[in-house]
Amino acid sequence: MRPIRHAMSFLAVFAFAAGFAGSALADPNCNHCLALYDNCMARPGSVETQCIREHNQCAGPIQCPVMPE
């Protein structure tokens, strides 16, 4: 039962990220913030909440969508 729940959580996060990426494509400045998030997540030992925080610090001031923390 536990592996199924983990897989469903992963799919939900993936779907959210895909939708978020699609909404950010409308503005090239938002792509820069999303690239910061992607690069952060690619680092070894990265922590998702820290990567989201970095993204939101970039996105907020330029009126791009922010990720929920």
C-alpha atoms as a PDB file:
ATOM      1  CA  MET A   1       0.000   0.000   0.000  1.00  0.00           C
ATOM      2  CA  ARG A   2       2.792   2.413   0.869  1.00  0.00           C
ATOM      3  CA  PRO A   3       4.568   2.253  -2.557  1.00  0.00           C
ATOM      4  CA  ILE A   4       1.285   3.100  -4.277  1.00  0.00           C
ATOM      5  CA  ARG A   5       0.779   6.149  -2.068  1.00  0.00           C
ATOM      6  CA  HIS A   6       4.350   7.283  -2.775  1.00  0.00           C
ATOM      7  CA  ALA A   7       3.831   6.847  -6.522  1.00  0.00           C
ATOM      8  CA  MET A   8       0.583   8.824  -6.405  1.00  0.00           C
ATOM      9  CA  SER A   9       2.299  11.634  -4.489  1.00  0.00           C
ATOM     10  CA  PHE A  10       5.071  11.718  -7.072  1.00  0.00           C
ATOM     11  CA  LEU A  11       2.544  11.883  -9.908  1.00  0.00           C
ATOM     12  CA  ALA A  12       0.666  14.701  -8.203  1.00  0.00           C
ATOM     13  CA  VAL A  13       3.856  16.737  -7.757  1.00  0.00           C
ATOM     14  CA  PHE A  14       4.857  16.045 -11.357  1.00  0.00           C
ATOM     15  CA  ALA A  15       1.451  17.163 -12.657  1.00  0.00           C
ATOM     16  CA  PHE A  16       1.638  20.332 -10.564  1.00  0.00           C
ATOM     17  CA  ALA A  17       5.139  21.117 -11.847  1.00  0.00           C
ATOM     18  CA  ALA A  18       4.094  20.524 -15.452  1.00  0.00           C
ATOM     19  CA  GLY A  19       1.102  22.822 -15.069  1.00  0.00           C
ATOM     20  CA  PHE A  20       3.195  25.439 -13.337  1.00  0.00           C
ATOM     21  CA  ALA A  21       5.821  25.277 -16.076  1.00  0.00           C
ATOM     22  CA  GLY A  22       3.127  25.730 -18.707  1.00  0.00           C
ATOM     23  CA  SER A  23       1.774  28.835 -16.996  1.00  0.00           C
ATOM     24  CA  ALA A  24       5.247  30.324 -16.673  1.00  0.00           C
ATOM     25  CA  LEU A  25       5.943  29.974 -20.398  1.00  0.00           C
ATOM     26  CA  ALA A  26       3.805  33.013 -21.154  1.00  0.00           C
ATOM     27  CA  ASP A  27       6.510  35.414 -19.939  1.00  0.00           C
ATOM     28  CA  PRO A  28      10.224  34.953 -20.766  1.00  0.00           C
ATOM     29  CA  ASN A  29      11.205  36.556 -17.447  1.00  0.00           C
ATOM     30  CA  CYS A  30       9.295  33.810 -15.649  1.00  0.00           C
ATOM     31  CA  ASN A  31      11.334  31.191 -17.501  1.00  0.00           C
ATOM     32  CA  HIS A  32      14.451  32.498 -15.800  1.00  0.00           C
ATOM     33  CA  CYS A  33      12.906  31.872 -12.382  1.00  0.00           C
ATOM     34  CA  LEU A  34      11.785  28.401 -13.383  1.00  0.00           C
ATOM     35  CA  ALA A  35      15.322  27.656 -14.618  1.00  0.00           C
ATOM     36  CA  LEU A  36      16.630  28.656 -11.177  1.00  0.00           C
ATOM     37  CA  TYR A  37      14.276  26.112  -9.620  1.00  0.00           C
ATOM     38  CA  ASP A  38      15.272  23.386 -12.081  1.00  0.00           C
ATOM     39  CA  ASN A  39      18.986  24.013 -11.515  1.00  0.00           C
ATOM     40  CA  CYS A  40      18.491  23.991  -7.764  1.00  0.00           C
ATOM     41  CA  MET A  41      16.629  20.673  -7.877  1.00  0.00           C
ATOM     42  CA  ALA A  42      19.382  19.162 -10.039  1.00  0.00           C
ATOM     43  CA  ARG A  43      22.034  19.855  -7.393  1.00  0.00           C
ATOM     44  CA  PRO A  44      23.037  16.868  -5.279  1.00  0.00           C
ATOM     45  CA  GLY A  45      21.394  16.986  -1.859  1.00  0.00           C
ATOM     46  CA  SER A  46      18.957  19.718  -2.863  1.00  0.00           C
ATOM     47  CA  VAL A  47      15.972  20.440  -0.646  1.00  0.00           C
ATOM     48  CA  GLU A  48      12.750  21.175  -2.506  1.00  0.00           C
ATOM     49  CA  THR A  49      11.528  23.813  -0.058  1.00  0.00           C
ATOM     50  CA  GLN A  50      14.779  25.768  -0.481  1.00  0.00           C
ATOM     51  CA  CYS A  51      14.497  25.538  -4.276  1.00  0.00           C
ATOM     52  CA  ILE A  52      10.890  26.747  -4.123  1.00  0.00           C
ATOM     53  CA  ARG A  53      11.980  29.642  -1.901  1.00  0.00           C
ATOM     54  CA  GLU A  54      14.699  30.638  -4.406  1.00  0.00           C
ATOM     55  CA  HIS A  55      12.160  30.489  -7.229  1.00  0.00           C
ATOM     56  CA  ASN A  56       9.628  32.573  -5.331  1.00  0.00           C
ATOM     57  CA  GLN A  57      12.232  35.215  -4.466  1.00  0.00           C
ATOM     58  CA  CYS A  58      12.885  35.553  -8.192  1.00  0.00           C
ATOM     59  CA  ALA A  59       9.252  35.331  -9.321  1.00  0.00           C
ATOM     60  CA  GLY A  60       7.473  37.544  -6.808  1.00  0.00           C
ATOM     61  CA  PRO A  61       9.068  40.892  -7.668  1.00  0.00           C
ATOM     62  CA  ILE A  62       8.505  40.463 -11.415  1.00  0.00           C
ATOM     63  CA  GLN A  63       4.841  39.400 -11.023  1.00  0.00           C
ATOM     64  CA  CYS A  64       5.338  35.754 -12.052  1.00  0.00           C
ATOM     65  CA  PRO A  65       3.358  32.930 -10.434  1.00  0.00           C
ATOM     66  CA  VAL A  66       4.880  31.680  -7.187  1.00  0.00           C
ATOM     67  CA  MET A  67       5.019  28.053  -6.043  1.00  0.00           C
ATOM     68  CA  PRO A  68       3.287  27.057  -2.804  1.00  0.00           C
ATOM     69  CA  GLU A  69       5.761  26.372  -0.001  1.00  0.00           C
END
